[in-house]
Amino acid sequence: MNRTFASLSVMAGALALSACKTTAPDVLPPDPVPSTGETSTGGTTSQGPAVGSQAHFEQTINGQNVIYFDTDRYNIDSADAAALQTQAQYLARYPSVTITVEGHADERGTREYNLALGERRANSAKNYLVSLGVDAGRIQTVSYGKERPIDPGTSEAAYQRNRNTHTAITSGAR
C-alpha cells in the first residue's frame, strides 16, 4: 500500500509540474501603433502644451493675458475689452479652468495706494469677465501693487508696462 501511495504521489507531482509548463502563443499580439500624440482626453499633444496649462492658455489667446492701464486708472478700454473677451472665450471652452487676475502698479505712490490700485484693476478685469458669463467662483484676484514689476526700469515706458493685470491659470482642465 505504501508503494501504491508513493507511486500515486509521484504521478500527481509530475502532473502538477507539467501543468505549469507554458508554451508560446500561436498568435502574437499586434505591433504597437505609432502614437499621433493625442491622449485619450483628446486635449494634450506631445507637440504642444497641456490643455489647461498657462502655456496653453497664452498660446490659445495669442498672449492676450495682460492688459495695461493709464496712470492712476483702472477702467477697461476697448483694447482691454477685446483681450478679456478672448480670455472669456477660452474659459467658456474649458469650464474646469480657474484663474487668478493679478493687479499691478508702477513704483510711483505709496505701497498702500498701489496695493489698492492693483486690487481695483484686478477687480475691474474680473467684473468684466463675469459680465461676459464667466462664473465669478472661477476667478480669484490678488494685488501685488508695485511689488512685482515686469520692468525694473524707472522710465515712463517701464512704468507703463508695470501698470497692468496679468491673468494666470490657477487650475487646469481635468
N, C-alpha and C. Protein backbone atom coordinates (compact mmCIF):
# COMPACT_ATOMS: atom_id res chain seq x y z
N MET A 1 0.82 -1.18 0.00
CA MET A 1 0.00 0.00 0.00
C MET A 1 0.86 1.24 0.00
N ASN A 2 1.96 1.20 0.75
CA ASN A 2 2.86 2.34 0.75
C ASN A 2 3.44 2.57 -0.64
N ARG A 3 3.69 1.47 -1.32
CA ARG A 3 4.27 1.59 -2.66
C ARG A 3 3.25 2.22 -3.61
N THR A 4 2.01 1.85 -3.52
CA THR A 4 0.96 2.42 -4.36
C THR A 4 0.77 3.90 -4.03
N PHE A 5 0.78 4.20 -2.77
CA PHE A 5 0.63 5.60 -2.35
C PHE A 5 1.80 6.44 -2.86
N ALA A 6 3.01 5.90 -2.78
CA ALA A 6 4.20 6.60 -3.25
C ALA A 6 4.13 6.81 -4.75
N SER A 7 3.67 5.80 -5.48
CA SER A 7 3.55 5.92 -6.93
C SER A 7 2.52 6.99 -7.30
N LEU A 8 1.41 6.98 -6.62
CA LEU A 8 0.38 7.98 -6.89
C LEU A 8 0.88 9.39 -6.56
N SER A 9 1.64 9.52 -5.50
CA SER A 9 2.18 10.83 -5.11
C SER A 9 3.14 11.34 -6.17
N VAL A 10 4.00 10.46 -6.68
CA VAL A 10 4.96 10.87 -7.72
C VAL A 10 4.22 11.26 -8.99
N MET A 11 3.21 10.50 -9.36
CA MET A 11 2.44 10.81 -10.56
C MET A 11 1.69 12.14 -10.41
N ALA A 12 1.13 12.37 -9.24
CA ALA A 12 0.41 13.62 -9.00
C ALA A 12 1.36 14.81 -9.07
N GLY A 13 2.56 14.65 -8.52
CA GLY A 13 3.56 15.73 -8.58
C GLY A 13 4.00 16.01 -10.00
N ALA A 14 4.22 14.92 -10.79
CA ALA A 14 4.62 15.10 -12.18
C ALA A 14 3.51 15.79 -12.97
N LEU A 15 2.28 15.41 -12.71
CA LEU A 15 1.15 16.02 -13.39
C LEU A 15 1.04 17.50 -13.02
N ALA A 16 1.26 17.82 -11.77
CA ALA A 16 1.18 19.21 -11.32
C ALA A 16 2.28 20.04 -11.97
N LEU A 17 3.49 19.50 -12.05
CA LEU A 17 4.59 20.23 -12.68
C LEU A 17 4.38 20.40 -14.17
N SER A 18 3.81 19.41 -14.82
CA SER A 18 3.59 19.53 -16.26
C SER A 18 2.51 20.57 -16.56
N ALA A 19 1.61 20.80 -15.65
CA ALA A 19 0.57 21.80 -15.84
C ALA A 19 1.14 23.21 -15.78
N CYS A 20 2.30 23.39 -15.15
CA CYS A 20 2.91 24.71 -15.03
C CYS A 20 3.68 25.11 -16.26
N LYS A 21 3.95 24.18 -17.14
CA LYS A 21 4.74 24.47 -18.33
C LYS A 21 3.93 25.39 -19.24
N THR A 22 4.58 26.44 -19.76
CA THR A 22 3.90 27.35 -20.67
C THR A 22 4.45 27.16 -22.06
N THR A 23 3.62 27.41 -23.02
CA THR A 23 4.05 27.33 -24.41
C THR A 23 3.85 28.69 -25.04
N ALA A 24 4.56 28.95 -26.12
CA ALA A 24 4.43 30.22 -26.83
C ALA A 24 3.05 30.29 -27.47
N PRO A 25 2.42 31.46 -27.45
CA PRO A 25 1.10 31.56 -28.06
C PRO A 25 1.20 31.36 -29.57
N ASP A 26 0.14 30.81 -30.14
CA ASP A 26 0.11 30.60 -31.58
C ASP A 26 0.03 31.92 -32.33
N VAL A 27 -0.66 32.91 -31.75
CA VAL A 27 -0.84 34.20 -32.40
C VAL A 27 -0.17 35.26 -31.54
N LEU A 28 0.73 36.03 -32.14
CA LEU A 28 1.42 37.10 -31.42
C LEU A 28 0.54 38.34 -31.39
N PRO A 29 0.67 39.16 -30.35
CA PRO A 29 -0.10 40.41 -30.33
C PRO A 29 0.37 41.33 -31.44
N PRO A 30 -0.48 42.24 -31.91
CA PRO A 30 -0.08 43.15 -32.99
C PRO A 30 1.00 44.11 -32.52
N ASP A 31 1.79 44.59 -33.48
CA ASP A 31 2.82 45.58 -33.17
C ASP A 31 2.15 46.86 -32.69
N PRO A 32 2.81 47.61 -31.80
CA PRO A 32 2.21 48.86 -31.34
C PRO A 32 2.04 49.84 -32.50
N VAL A 33 0.92 50.57 -32.46
CA VAL A 33 0.65 51.57 -33.48
C VAL A 33 1.37 52.85 -33.09
N PRO A 34 2.05 53.52 -34.05
CA PRO A 34 2.72 54.78 -33.70
C PRO A 34 1.72 55.79 -33.16
N SER A 35 2.12 56.51 -32.12
CA SER A 35 1.25 57.49 -31.47
C SER A 35 1.11 58.73 -32.31
N THR A 36 -0.10 59.28 -32.33
CA THR A 36 -0.34 60.54 -33.02
C THR A 36 -0.11 61.72 -32.10
N GLY A 37 0.22 61.43 -30.85
CA GLY A 37 0.43 62.50 -29.88
C GLY A 37 -0.81 62.83 -29.09
N GLU A 38 -1.96 62.29 -29.47
CA GLU A 38 -3.21 62.59 -28.78
C GLU A 38 -3.40 61.61 -27.64
N THR A 39 -3.89 62.11 -26.54
CA THR A 39 -4.19 61.24 -25.41
C THR A 39 -5.66 60.89 -25.46
N SER A 40 -6.08 60.04 -24.56
CA SER A 40 -7.48 59.63 -24.55
C SER A 40 -8.41 60.79 -24.24
N THR A 41 -7.90 61.85 -23.62
CA THR A 41 -8.75 63.00 -23.34
C THR A 41 -8.90 63.87 -24.58
N GLY A 42 -8.06 63.62 -25.59
CA GLY A 42 -8.15 64.36 -26.83
C GLY A 42 -7.63 65.77 -26.73
N GLY A 43 -7.06 66.20 -25.60
CA GLY A 43 -6.68 67.58 -25.48
C GLY A 43 -5.21 67.86 -25.41
N THR A 44 -4.40 66.91 -25.08
CA THR A 44 -2.99 67.17 -24.91
C THR A 44 -2.21 66.47 -26.00
N THR A 45 -1.31 67.19 -26.62
CA THR A 45 -0.47 66.57 -27.62
C THR A 45 0.97 66.70 -27.20
N SER A 46 1.79 65.79 -27.74
CA SER A 46 3.20 65.85 -27.41
C SER A 46 3.87 67.03 -28.12
N GLN A 47 3.20 67.58 -29.12
CA GLN A 47 3.77 68.71 -29.85
C GLN A 47 3.44 70.06 -29.21
N GLY A 48 2.51 70.12 -28.31
CA GLY A 48 2.11 71.39 -27.74
C GLY A 48 1.92 71.31 -26.24
N PRO A 49 1.63 72.47 -25.63
CA PRO A 49 1.44 72.49 -24.18
C PRO A 49 0.16 71.77 -23.77
N ALA A 50 0.14 71.33 -22.53
CA ALA A 50 -1.02 70.61 -22.00
C ALA A 50 -2.22 71.54 -21.91
N VAL A 51 -3.38 71.00 -22.26
CA VAL A 51 -4.62 71.76 -22.18
C VAL A 51 -4.84 72.19 -20.74
N GLY A 52 -5.17 73.46 -20.56
CA GLY A 52 -5.41 73.99 -19.22
C GLY A 52 -4.16 74.51 -18.54
N SER A 53 -3.00 74.40 -19.19
CA SER A 53 -1.77 74.94 -18.61
C SER A 53 -1.65 76.42 -18.95
N GLN A 54 -0.77 77.12 -18.25
CA GLN A 54 -0.55 78.54 -18.53
C GLN A 54 -0.05 78.72 -19.97
N ALA A 55 0.84 77.84 -20.41
CA ALA A 55 1.38 77.94 -21.77
C ALA A 55 0.27 77.73 -22.81
N HIS A 56 -0.62 76.78 -22.58
CA HIS A 56 -1.73 76.54 -23.50
C HIS A 56 -2.66 77.75 -23.52
N PHE A 57 -2.94 78.30 -22.35
CA PHE A 57 -3.79 79.49 -22.24
C PHE A 57 -3.20 80.64 -23.05
N GLU A 58 -1.92 80.95 -22.82
CA GLU A 58 -1.28 82.06 -23.51
C GLU A 58 -1.21 81.82 -25.02
N GLN A 59 -0.93 80.58 -25.42
CA GLN A 59 -0.85 80.26 -26.84
C GLN A 59 -2.22 80.39 -27.49
N THR A 60 -3.25 79.88 -26.84
CA THR A 60 -4.60 79.89 -27.40
C THR A 60 -5.16 81.30 -27.52
N ILE A 61 -4.86 82.16 -26.57
CA ILE A 61 -5.40 83.52 -26.61
C ILE A 61 -4.41 84.52 -27.21
N ASN A 62 -3.38 84.00 -27.86
CA ASN A 62 -2.37 84.82 -28.54
C ASN A 62 -1.71 85.83 -27.62
N GLY A 63 -1.38 85.40 -26.42
CA GLY A 63 -0.65 86.25 -25.49
C GLY A 63 -1.46 87.38 -24.87
N GLN A 64 -2.77 87.35 -25.03
CA GLN A 64 -3.61 88.43 -24.51
C GLN A 64 -4.02 88.18 -23.06
N ASN A 65 -3.05 87.78 -22.23
CA ASN A 65 -3.35 87.55 -20.82
C ASN A 65 -2.91 88.73 -19.94
N VAL A 66 -2.42 89.80 -20.56
CA VAL A 66 -2.02 91.01 -19.84
C VAL A 66 -2.76 92.18 -20.45
N ILE A 67 -3.37 93.00 -19.59
CA ILE A 67 -3.96 94.25 -20.08
C ILE A 67 -3.30 95.40 -19.33
N TYR A 68 -3.21 96.55 -19.99
CA TYR A 68 -2.47 97.69 -19.45
C TYR A 68 -3.41 98.85 -19.14
N PHE A 69 -3.00 99.67 -18.18
CA PHE A 69 -3.82 100.78 -17.70
C PHE A 69 -3.05 102.09 -17.76
N ASP A 70 -3.80 103.19 -17.84
CA ASP A 70 -3.20 104.51 -17.74
C ASP A 70 -2.86 104.79 -16.28
N THR A 71 -2.08 105.85 -16.05
CA THR A 71 -1.68 106.22 -14.70
C THR A 71 -2.90 106.46 -13.83
N ASP A 72 -2.91 105.87 -12.65
CA ASP A 72 -3.97 106.03 -11.65
C ASP A 72 -5.36 105.63 -12.17
N ARG A 73 -5.43 104.77 -13.16
CA ARG A 73 -6.71 104.35 -13.73
C ARG A 73 -6.89 102.84 -13.58
N TYR A 74 -8.15 102.44 -13.59
CA TYR A 74 -8.47 101.01 -13.53
C TYR A 74 -9.65 100.66 -14.42
N ASN A 75 -10.01 101.58 -15.33
CA ASN A 75 -11.12 101.33 -16.23
C ASN A 75 -10.68 100.46 -17.42
N ILE A 76 -11.62 99.68 -17.96
CA ILE A 76 -11.36 98.79 -19.08
C ILE A 76 -11.64 99.55 -20.37
N ASP A 77 -10.61 99.70 -21.23
CA ASP A 77 -10.83 100.37 -22.52
C ASP A 77 -11.12 99.32 -23.59
N SER A 78 -11.29 99.76 -24.85
CA SER A 78 -11.70 98.83 -25.91
C SER A 78 -10.66 97.76 -26.19
N ALA A 79 -9.38 98.09 -26.12
CA ALA A 79 -8.33 97.08 -26.33
C ALA A 79 -8.35 96.05 -25.20
N ASP A 80 -8.54 96.54 -23.97
CA ASP A 80 -8.63 95.64 -22.82
C ASP A 80 -9.86 94.73 -22.95
N ALA A 81 -10.97 95.31 -23.40
CA ALA A 81 -12.21 94.55 -23.55
C ALA A 81 -12.01 93.41 -24.55
N ALA A 82 -11.31 93.67 -25.64
CA ALA A 82 -11.07 92.62 -26.64
C ALA A 82 -10.23 91.49 -26.05
N ALA A 83 -9.21 91.84 -25.28
CA ALA A 83 -8.36 90.82 -24.64
C ALA A 83 -9.18 90.00 -23.64
N LEU A 84 -10.01 90.67 -22.86
CA LEU A 84 -10.83 89.96 -21.88
C LEU A 84 -11.89 89.09 -22.55
N GLN A 85 -12.41 89.53 -23.70
CA GLN A 85 -13.36 88.70 -24.43
C GLN A 85 -12.69 87.41 -24.92
N THR A 86 -11.44 87.52 -25.36
CA THR A 86 -10.68 86.34 -25.77
C THR A 86 -10.47 85.40 -24.59
N GLN A 87 -10.16 85.96 -23.42
CA GLN A 87 -10.00 85.14 -22.22
C GLN A 87 -11.31 84.46 -21.85
N ALA A 88 -12.41 85.18 -21.94
CA ALA A 88 -13.73 84.62 -21.60
C ALA A 88 -14.08 83.47 -22.54
N GLN A 89 -13.73 83.59 -23.83
CA GLN A 89 -13.98 82.51 -24.78
C GLN A 89 -13.19 81.26 -24.40
N TYR A 90 -11.95 81.44 -23.99
CA TYR A 90 -11.13 80.31 -23.55
C TYR A 90 -11.77 79.65 -22.33
N LEU A 91 -12.18 80.46 -21.37
CA LEU A 91 -12.79 79.93 -20.15
C LEU A 91 -14.12 79.24 -20.43
N ALA A 92 -14.85 79.70 -21.43
CA ALA A 92 -16.10 79.03 -21.81
C ALA A 92 -15.80 77.67 -22.44
N ARG A 93 -14.72 77.60 -23.18
CA ARG A 93 -14.33 76.34 -23.84
C ARG A 93 -13.81 75.31 -22.84
N TYR A 94 -13.16 75.78 -21.78
CA TYR A 94 -12.58 74.90 -20.76
C TYR A 94 -13.19 75.24 -19.40
N PRO A 95 -14.38 74.75 -19.12
CA PRO A 95 -15.11 75.16 -17.92
C PRO A 95 -14.51 74.72 -16.59
N SER A 96 -13.54 73.83 -16.59
CA SER A 96 -12.93 73.43 -15.31
C SER A 96 -11.69 74.26 -14.98
N VAL A 97 -11.29 75.14 -15.89
CA VAL A 97 -10.13 76.00 -15.64
C VAL A 97 -10.53 77.13 -14.70
N THR A 98 -9.68 77.39 -13.70
CA THR A 98 -9.86 78.55 -12.83
C THR A 98 -8.65 79.46 -12.99
N ILE A 99 -8.86 80.74 -12.73
CA ILE A 99 -7.80 81.73 -12.96
C ILE A 99 -7.62 82.65 -11.75
N THR A 100 -6.48 83.32 -11.75
CA THR A 100 -6.22 84.41 -10.82
C THR A 100 -5.88 85.63 -11.66
N VAL A 101 -6.54 86.74 -11.38
CA VAL A 101 -6.22 88.00 -12.03
C VAL A 101 -5.35 88.79 -11.05
N GLU A 102 -4.12 89.06 -11.46
CA GLU A 102 -3.14 89.76 -10.62
C GLU A 102 -3.11 91.23 -11.01
N GLY A 103 -3.34 92.11 -10.04
CA GLY A 103 -3.28 93.54 -10.30
C GLY A 103 -1.92 94.12 -9.94
N HIS A 104 -1.38 94.96 -10.82
CA HIS A 104 -0.06 95.55 -10.62
C HIS A 104 -0.11 97.07 -10.81
N ALA A 105 0.89 97.74 -10.26
CA ALA A 105 1.01 99.20 -10.40
C ALA A 105 2.49 99.54 -10.62
N ASP A 106 2.74 100.77 -11.08
CA ASP A 106 4.14 101.18 -11.20
C ASP A 106 4.66 101.59 -9.82
N GLU A 107 5.92 101.96 -9.74
CA GLU A 107 6.55 102.20 -8.43
C GLU A 107 6.20 103.55 -7.80
N ARG A 108 5.56 104.43 -8.56
CA ARG A 108 5.22 105.74 -8.01
C ARG A 108 4.03 105.60 -7.06
N GLY A 109 4.06 106.29 -5.97
CA GLY A 109 2.99 106.22 -4.98
C GLY A 109 3.39 105.32 -3.82
N THR A 110 2.59 105.37 -2.78
CA THR A 110 2.90 104.57 -1.59
C THR A 110 2.55 103.11 -1.83
N ARG A 111 3.09 102.28 -0.99
CA ARG A 111 2.81 100.84 -1.08
C ARG A 111 1.31 100.59 -0.93
N GLU A 112 0.70 101.22 0.05
CA GLU A 112 -0.72 101.03 0.32
C GLU A 112 -1.58 101.49 -0.86
N TYR A 113 -1.24 102.66 -1.42
CA TYR A 113 -2.00 103.18 -2.56
C TYR A 113 -1.92 102.22 -3.74
N ASN A 114 -0.71 101.74 -4.03
CA ASN A 114 -0.52 100.86 -5.18
C ASN A 114 -1.16 99.49 -4.97
N LEU A 115 -1.18 98.99 -3.74
CA LEU A 115 -1.90 97.74 -3.48
C LEU A 115 -3.40 97.92 -3.73
N ALA A 116 -3.95 99.06 -3.29
CA ALA A 116 -5.37 99.33 -3.51
C ALA A 116 -5.67 99.51 -5.00
N LEU A 117 -4.78 100.20 -5.72
CA LEU A 117 -4.97 100.41 -7.15
C LEU A 117 -4.87 99.08 -7.90
N GLY A 118 -3.92 98.25 -7.54
CA GLY A 118 -3.80 96.93 -8.15
C GLY A 118 -5.04 96.08 -7.92
N GLU A 119 -5.61 96.20 -6.72
CA GLU A 119 -6.84 95.47 -6.41
C GLU A 119 -8.01 95.96 -7.26
N ARG A 120 -8.13 97.29 -7.43
CA ARG A 120 -9.20 97.83 -8.27
C ARG A 120 -9.03 97.37 -9.72
N ARG A 121 -7.79 97.32 -10.20
CA ARG A 121 -7.54 96.85 -11.57
C ARG A 121 -7.92 95.38 -11.72
N ALA A 122 -7.51 94.56 -10.77
CA ALA A 122 -7.84 93.13 -10.83
C ALA A 122 -9.36 92.92 -10.78
N ASN A 123 -10.03 93.67 -9.91
CA ASN A 123 -11.48 93.54 -9.80
C ASN A 123 -12.19 94.04 -11.05
N SER A 124 -11.66 95.08 -11.71
CA SER A 124 -12.25 95.55 -12.97
C SER A 124 -12.20 94.46 -14.02
N ALA A 125 -11.05 93.80 -14.13
CA ALA A 125 -10.91 92.71 -15.11
C ALA A 125 -11.85 91.56 -14.75
N LYS A 126 -11.91 91.21 -13.47
CA LYS A 126 -12.79 90.12 -13.02
C LYS A 126 -14.24 90.46 -13.33
N ASN A 127 -14.66 91.65 -12.98
CA ASN A 127 -16.05 92.05 -13.20
C ASN A 127 -16.41 92.02 -14.68
N TYR A 128 -15.47 92.41 -15.53
CA TYR A 128 -15.74 92.38 -16.97
C TYR A 128 -15.90 90.93 -17.44
N LEU A 129 -15.02 90.04 -16.96
CA LEU A 129 -15.14 88.62 -17.32
C LEU A 129 -16.47 88.04 -16.84
N VAL A 130 -16.89 88.42 -15.64
CA VAL A 130 -18.17 87.95 -15.10
C VAL A 130 -19.32 88.48 -15.97
N SER A 131 -19.22 89.73 -16.43
CA SER A 131 -20.26 90.29 -17.30
C SER A 131 -20.35 89.55 -18.63
N LEU A 132 -19.27 88.85 -19.00
CA LEU A 132 -19.26 88.06 -20.24
C LEU A 132 -19.71 86.62 -20.00
N GLY A 133 -20.12 86.30 -18.78
CA GLY A 133 -20.67 84.99 -18.49
C GLY A 133 -19.76 84.03 -17.75
N VAL A 134 -18.56 84.46 -17.38
CA VAL A 134 -17.66 83.59 -16.62
C VAL A 134 -18.13 83.58 -15.17
N ASP A 135 -18.22 82.39 -14.59
CA ASP A 135 -18.64 82.24 -13.19
C ASP A 135 -17.62 82.92 -12.27
N ALA A 136 -18.09 83.81 -11.42
CA ALA A 136 -17.20 84.55 -10.51
C ALA A 136 -16.41 83.61 -9.60
N GLY A 137 -16.95 82.44 -9.29
CA GLY A 137 -16.26 81.48 -8.44
C GLY A 137 -15.02 80.89 -9.08
N ARG A 138 -14.87 81.05 -10.38
CA ARG A 138 -13.69 80.54 -11.09
C ARG A 138 -12.57 81.57 -11.16
N ILE A 139 -12.82 82.76 -10.62
CA ILE A 139 -11.84 83.85 -10.74
C ILE A 139 -11.45 84.34 -9.35
N GLN A 140 -10.17 84.28 -9.05
CA GLN A 140 -9.62 84.89 -7.84
C GLN A 140 -8.90 86.16 -8.25
N THR A 141 -8.78 87.10 -7.32
CA THR A 141 -8.00 88.30 -7.59
C THR A 141 -6.95 88.47 -6.50
N VAL A 142 -5.86 89.09 -6.88
CA VAL A 142 -4.80 89.41 -5.93
C VAL A 142 -4.13 90.70 -6.43
N SER A 143 -3.71 91.53 -5.50
CA SER A 143 -2.98 92.74 -5.86
C SER A 143 -1.55 92.63 -5.37
N TYR A 144 -0.63 92.91 -6.28
CA TYR A 144 0.78 92.96 -5.90
C TYR A 144 1.28 94.41 -5.86
N GLY A 145 0.40 95.35 -6.20
CA GLY A 145 0.82 96.76 -6.18
C GLY A 145 2.08 96.95 -7.00
N LYS A 146 3.08 97.55 -6.37
CA LYS A 146 4.35 97.79 -7.06
C LYS A 146 5.40 96.74 -6.72
N GLU A 147 5.00 95.66 -6.04
CA GLU A 147 5.94 94.68 -5.51
C GLU A 147 6.53 93.73 -6.56
N ARG A 148 5.86 93.53 -7.68
CA ARG A 148 6.34 92.58 -8.70
C ARG A 148 6.34 93.24 -10.08
N PRO A 149 7.24 94.17 -10.32
CA PRO A 149 7.24 94.85 -11.62
C PRO A 149 7.69 93.93 -12.76
N ILE A 150 7.09 94.13 -13.92
CA ILE A 150 7.54 93.43 -15.13
C ILE A 150 8.87 94.02 -15.57
N ASP A 151 8.96 95.34 -15.48
CA ASP A 151 10.16 96.07 -15.92
C ASP A 151 10.72 96.84 -14.73
N PRO A 152 11.95 96.54 -14.31
CA PRO A 152 12.51 97.22 -13.14
C PRO A 152 13.00 98.65 -13.43
N GLY A 153 12.86 99.11 -14.66
CA GLY A 153 13.33 100.44 -15.03
C GLY A 153 12.54 101.56 -14.38
N THR A 154 13.04 102.79 -14.57
CA THR A 154 12.38 103.97 -13.99
C THR A 154 11.95 104.95 -15.07
N SER A 155 11.86 104.50 -16.30
CA SER A 155 11.40 105.36 -17.39
C SER A 155 9.87 105.30 -17.48
N GLU A 156 9.30 106.25 -18.22
CA GLU A 156 7.85 106.24 -18.40
C GLU A 156 7.40 104.96 -19.11
N ALA A 157 8.22 104.46 -20.04
CA ALA A 157 7.89 103.20 -20.74
C ALA A 157 7.85 102.03 -19.75
N ALA A 158 8.79 102.00 -18.81
CA ALA A 158 8.80 100.94 -17.80
C ALA A 158 7.58 101.06 -16.90
N TYR A 159 7.26 102.28 -16.49
CA TYR A 159 6.08 102.48 -15.66
C TYR A 159 4.81 101.99 -16.37
N GLN A 160 4.72 102.29 -17.67
CA GLN A 160 3.55 101.90 -18.45
C GLN A 160 3.41 100.37 -18.50
N ARG A 161 4.51 99.65 -18.66
CA ARG A 161 4.46 98.19 -18.69
C ARG A 161 4.06 97.61 -17.33
N ASN A 162 4.38 98.31 -16.26
CA ASN A 162 4.09 97.81 -14.91
C ASN A 162 2.66 98.08 -14.44
N ARG A 163 1.93 98.93 -15.14
CA ARG A 163 0.53 99.21 -14.79
C ARG A 163 -0.35 98.22 -15.55
N ASN A 164 -0.61 97.05 -14.95
CA ASN A 164 -1.30 96.00 -15.69
C ASN A 164 -2.05 95.04 -14.78
N THR A 165 -2.83 94.20 -15.43
CA THR A 165 -3.32 92.98 -14.79
C THR A 165 -2.81 91.82 -15.62
N HIS A 166 -2.49 90.75 -14.95
CA HIS A 166 -1.99 89.54 -15.58
C HIS A 166 -2.92 88.40 -15.17
N THR A 167 -3.44 87.68 -16.16
CA THR A 167 -4.32 86.55 -15.88
C THR A 167 -3.50 85.27 -15.90
N ALA A 168 -3.57 84.51 -14.81
CA ALA A 168 -2.81 83.27 -14.68
C ALA A 168 -3.75 82.11 -14.37
N ILE A 169 -3.43 80.96 -14.95
CA ILE A 169 -4.21 79.74 -14.69
C ILE A 169 -3.93 79.27 -13.27
N THR A 170 -4.98 79.05 -12.49
CA THR A 170 -4.85 78.53 -11.13
C THR A 170 -4.94 77.01 -11.14
N SER A 171 -5.93 76.49 -11.86
CA SER A 171 -6.02 75.04 -12.04
C SER A 171 -6.50 74.77 -13.45
N GLY A 172 -5.93 73.72 -14.03
CA GLY A 172 -6.19 73.43 -15.44
C GLY A 172 -7.38 72.54 -15.69
N ALA A 173 -7.55 72.24 -16.97
CA ALA A 173 -8.63 71.37 -17.40
C ALA A 173 -8.41 69.97 -16.87
N ARG A 174 -9.48 69.31 -16.51
CA ARG A 174 -9.38 67.94 -15.98
C ARG A 174 -9.81 66.96 -17.03
